[in-house]
Protein backbone atom coordinates (compact mmCIF):
# COMPACT_ATOMS: atom_id res chain seq x y z
CA MET A 1 -56.25 34.15 101.75
CA GLY A 2 -53.01 35.23 103.45
CA ILE A 3 -52.12 35.00 107.11
CA SER A 4 -53.12 38.60 107.76
CA ASP A 5 -56.47 37.98 106.06
CA ASP A 6 -57.02 35.01 108.39
CA ALA A 7 -56.22 37.16 111.42
CA VAL A 8 -58.70 39.80 110.28
CA GLU A 9 -61.39 37.14 109.84
CA VAL A 10 -60.69 35.70 113.29
CA ARG A 11 -61.11 39.16 114.85
CA ALA A 12 -64.24 39.81 112.80
CA GLN A 13 -65.73 36.48 113.86
CA GLY A 14 -64.87 37.25 117.47
CA TRP A 15 -66.61 40.61 117.18
CA ARG A 16 -69.71 39.03 115.62
CA THR A 17 -69.83 36.45 118.42
CA LEU A 18 -69.49 39.14 121.07
CA ALA A 19 -72.22 41.21 119.41
CA ALA A 20 -74.53 38.18 119.27
CA LEU A 21 -74.00 37.46 122.97
CA HIS A 22 -74.49 41.12 123.87
CA GLY A 23 -77.73 41.20 121.91
CA ARG A 24 -79.06 38.12 123.67
CA ILE A 25 -78.17 39.43 127.11
CA GLU A 26 -79.53 42.90 126.47
CA SER A 27 -82.78 41.57 125.02
CA GLU A 28 -83.44 39.33 128.03
CA LEU A 29 -82.50 42.05 130.50
CA GLU A 30 -84.81 44.54 128.75
CA ARG A 31 -87.67 42.06 128.95
CA ALA A 32 -87.12 41.12 132.60
CA LEU A 33 -86.40 44.61 133.94
CA GLY A 34 -89.27 46.11 131.97
CA ALA A 35 -91.75 43.49 133.13
CA HIS A 36 -90.81 43.48 136.80
CA VAL A 37 -89.59 46.99 137.68
CA GLU A 38 -90.39 49.13 134.61
CA LEU A 39 -86.75 49.96 133.89
CA SER A 40 -84.79 49.75 130.67
CA VAL A 41 -81.29 48.30 130.67
CA VAL A 42 -79.71 51.74 130.33
CA GLU A 43 -81.86 53.11 133.17
CA TYR A 44 -80.75 50.19 135.33
CA THR A 45 -77.14 50.89 134.32
CA VAL A 46 -77.51 54.46 135.61
CA LEU A 47 -78.94 53.29 138.94
CA ASP A 48 -76.22 50.66 139.22
CA ALA A 49 -73.42 53.13 138.46
CA LEU A 50 -74.77 55.59 141.02
CA SER A 51 -75.20 52.85 143.63
CA ARG A 52 -71.47 52.13 143.44
CA GLN A 53 -70.45 55.64 144.44
CA ASP A 54 -70.45 54.78 148.16
CA GLY A 55 -71.76 58.10 149.40
CA TRP A 56 -70.20 60.20 146.65
CA HIS A 57 -71.87 62.03 143.83
CA MET A 58 -71.16 61.23 140.20
CA ARG A 59 -70.50 63.91 137.61
CA MET A 60 -72.72 63.82 134.54
CA GLN A 61 -69.62 63.29 132.36
CA GLN A 62 -68.68 60.19 134.41
CA LEU A 63 -72.23 58.91 134.14
CA ALA A 64 -72.16 59.37 130.36
CA HIS A 65 -68.97 57.33 130.24
CA ALA A 66 -70.40 54.60 132.53
CA THR A 67 -73.52 54.23 130.35
CA ALA A 68 -71.74 54.61 126.99
CA LEU A 69 -74.11 57.44 126.06
CA SER A 70 -73.45 60.86 124.62
CA PRO A 71 -73.62 63.80 127.04
CA SER A 72 -76.94 64.95 125.56
CA ALA A 73 -78.48 61.45 125.75
CA THR A 74 -77.26 61.18 129.34
CA THR A 75 -78.89 64.51 130.20
CA ARG A 76 -82.21 63.37 128.70
CA LEU A 77 -82.01 60.06 130.57
CA VAL A 78 -81.16 61.78 133.87
CA THR A 79 -84.11 64.13 133.36
CA ARG A 80 -86.46 61.18 132.85
CA LEU A 81 -85.16 59.43 135.96
CA GLU A 82 -85.29 62.68 137.92
CA ASP A 83 -88.93 63.14 136.84
CA ARG A 84 -89.60 59.68 138.31
CA ASP A 85 -87.91 60.79 141.58
CA LEU A 86 -85.22 58.13 141.19
CA LEU A 87 -82.26 60.49 141.22
CA THR A 88 -81.39 64.09 141.79
CA ARG A 89 -78.89 66.59 140.43
CA ILE A 90 -76.65 68.65 142.65
CA LEU A 91 -74.63 71.68 141.59
CA CYS A 92 -70.92 71.44 142.31
CA VAL A 93 -69.93 73.98 144.98
CA ASP A 94 -66.42 74.45 143.57
CA ASP A 95 -67.40 74.60 139.90
CA ARG A 96 -70.80 76.09 139.08
CA ARG A 97 -70.68 74.39 135.67
CA GLY A 98 -70.32 70.99 137.31
CA ILE A 99 -73.42 68.93 137.98
CA TYR A 100 -73.45 65.80 140.10
CA THR A 101 -76.07 63.10 140.17
CA GLU A 102 -77.07 60.76 142.97
CA LEU A 103 -79.81 58.29 143.81
CA THR A 104 -82.81 59.39 145.84
CA ALA A 105 -84.38 57.14 148.48
CA GLU A 106 -86.88 55.99 145.83
CA GLY A 107 -84.01 55.31 143.43
CA TRP A 108 -82.29 53.14 146.03
CA LYS A 109 -85.50 51.19 146.68
CA LEU A 110 -86.04 50.54 142.98
CA TYR A 111 -82.40 49.60 142.48
CA GLU A 112 -82.57 47.11 145.35
CA ARG A 113 -85.66 45.53 143.73
CA ALA A 114 -84.09 45.53 140.27
CA LYS A 115 -80.62 44.17 141.11
CA PRO A 116 -81.70 40.57 141.88
CA ILE A 117 -83.82 40.53 138.71
CA HIS A 118 -80.88 41.80 136.68
CA ASP A 119 -78.43 39.35 138.25
CA GLU A 120 -80.73 36.32 137.95
CA THR A 121 -81.55 37.14 134.33
CA LEU A 122 -77.89 37.58 133.44
CA GLU A 123 -77.03 34.28 135.11
CA SER A 124 -79.89 32.54 133.32
CA VAL A 125 -78.84 33.84 129.90
CA LEU A 126 -75.21 32.89 130.47
CA ARG A 127 -76.28 29.41 131.56
CA ALA A 128 -78.45 29.03 128.43
CA VAL A 129 -75.80 30.21 125.98
CA SER A 130 -73.14 28.05 127.62
CA GLU A 131 -74.83 25.18 125.75
CA GLU A 132 -74.16 26.85 122.39
CA PRO A 133 -70.65 26.03 121.10
CA GLU A 134 -70.04 29.42 119.46
CA LEU A 135 -71.10 31.39 122.56
CA ALA A 136 -69.90 29.07 125.34
CA PRO A 137 -66.33 30.44 125.62
CA LEU A 138 -67.55 34.04 126.02
CA ALA A 139 -70.27 32.98 128.45
CA ALA A 140 -67.65 31.19 130.54
CA LEU A 141 -65.46 34.31 130.62
CA LEU A 142 -68.38 36.46 131.73
CA ALA A 143 -69.28 33.90 134.40
CA GLY A 144 -65.74 34.19 135.77
CA GLU A 145 -64.64 30.73 134.66
CA ARG A 146 -61.22 29.98 133.26
CA VAL A 147 -61.30 29.18 129.56
């Protein structure tokens, strides 16, 4: 194996490690959010992204980017959350094609209930994987520690 082959393997191993950690975190978040507030991780991600707008609306395209979903998947997700009265759509005054999304009062309430569950679960998973040698460096980075 040449030097470049070694570099490729190092990157591939890094990617596999990152994917394993992501899978663990997502699985635990799905379980906790589903059990306590009946939200999926991606639904929580939408509420979280909208909560950070500080009084501003978010365009559907921005929301798709924030959730790493396609525009059509984002539209379906927004429709589901809108049906649950967690968010609302607003037509852009300047551009009739533009649609904004924002949290409703019910969306804010659910987000405020879900955030501590999300944060505690994430902290718990990172603490648990910090004991596993292959995942510990990534867990430390996510926890804000210097590696």
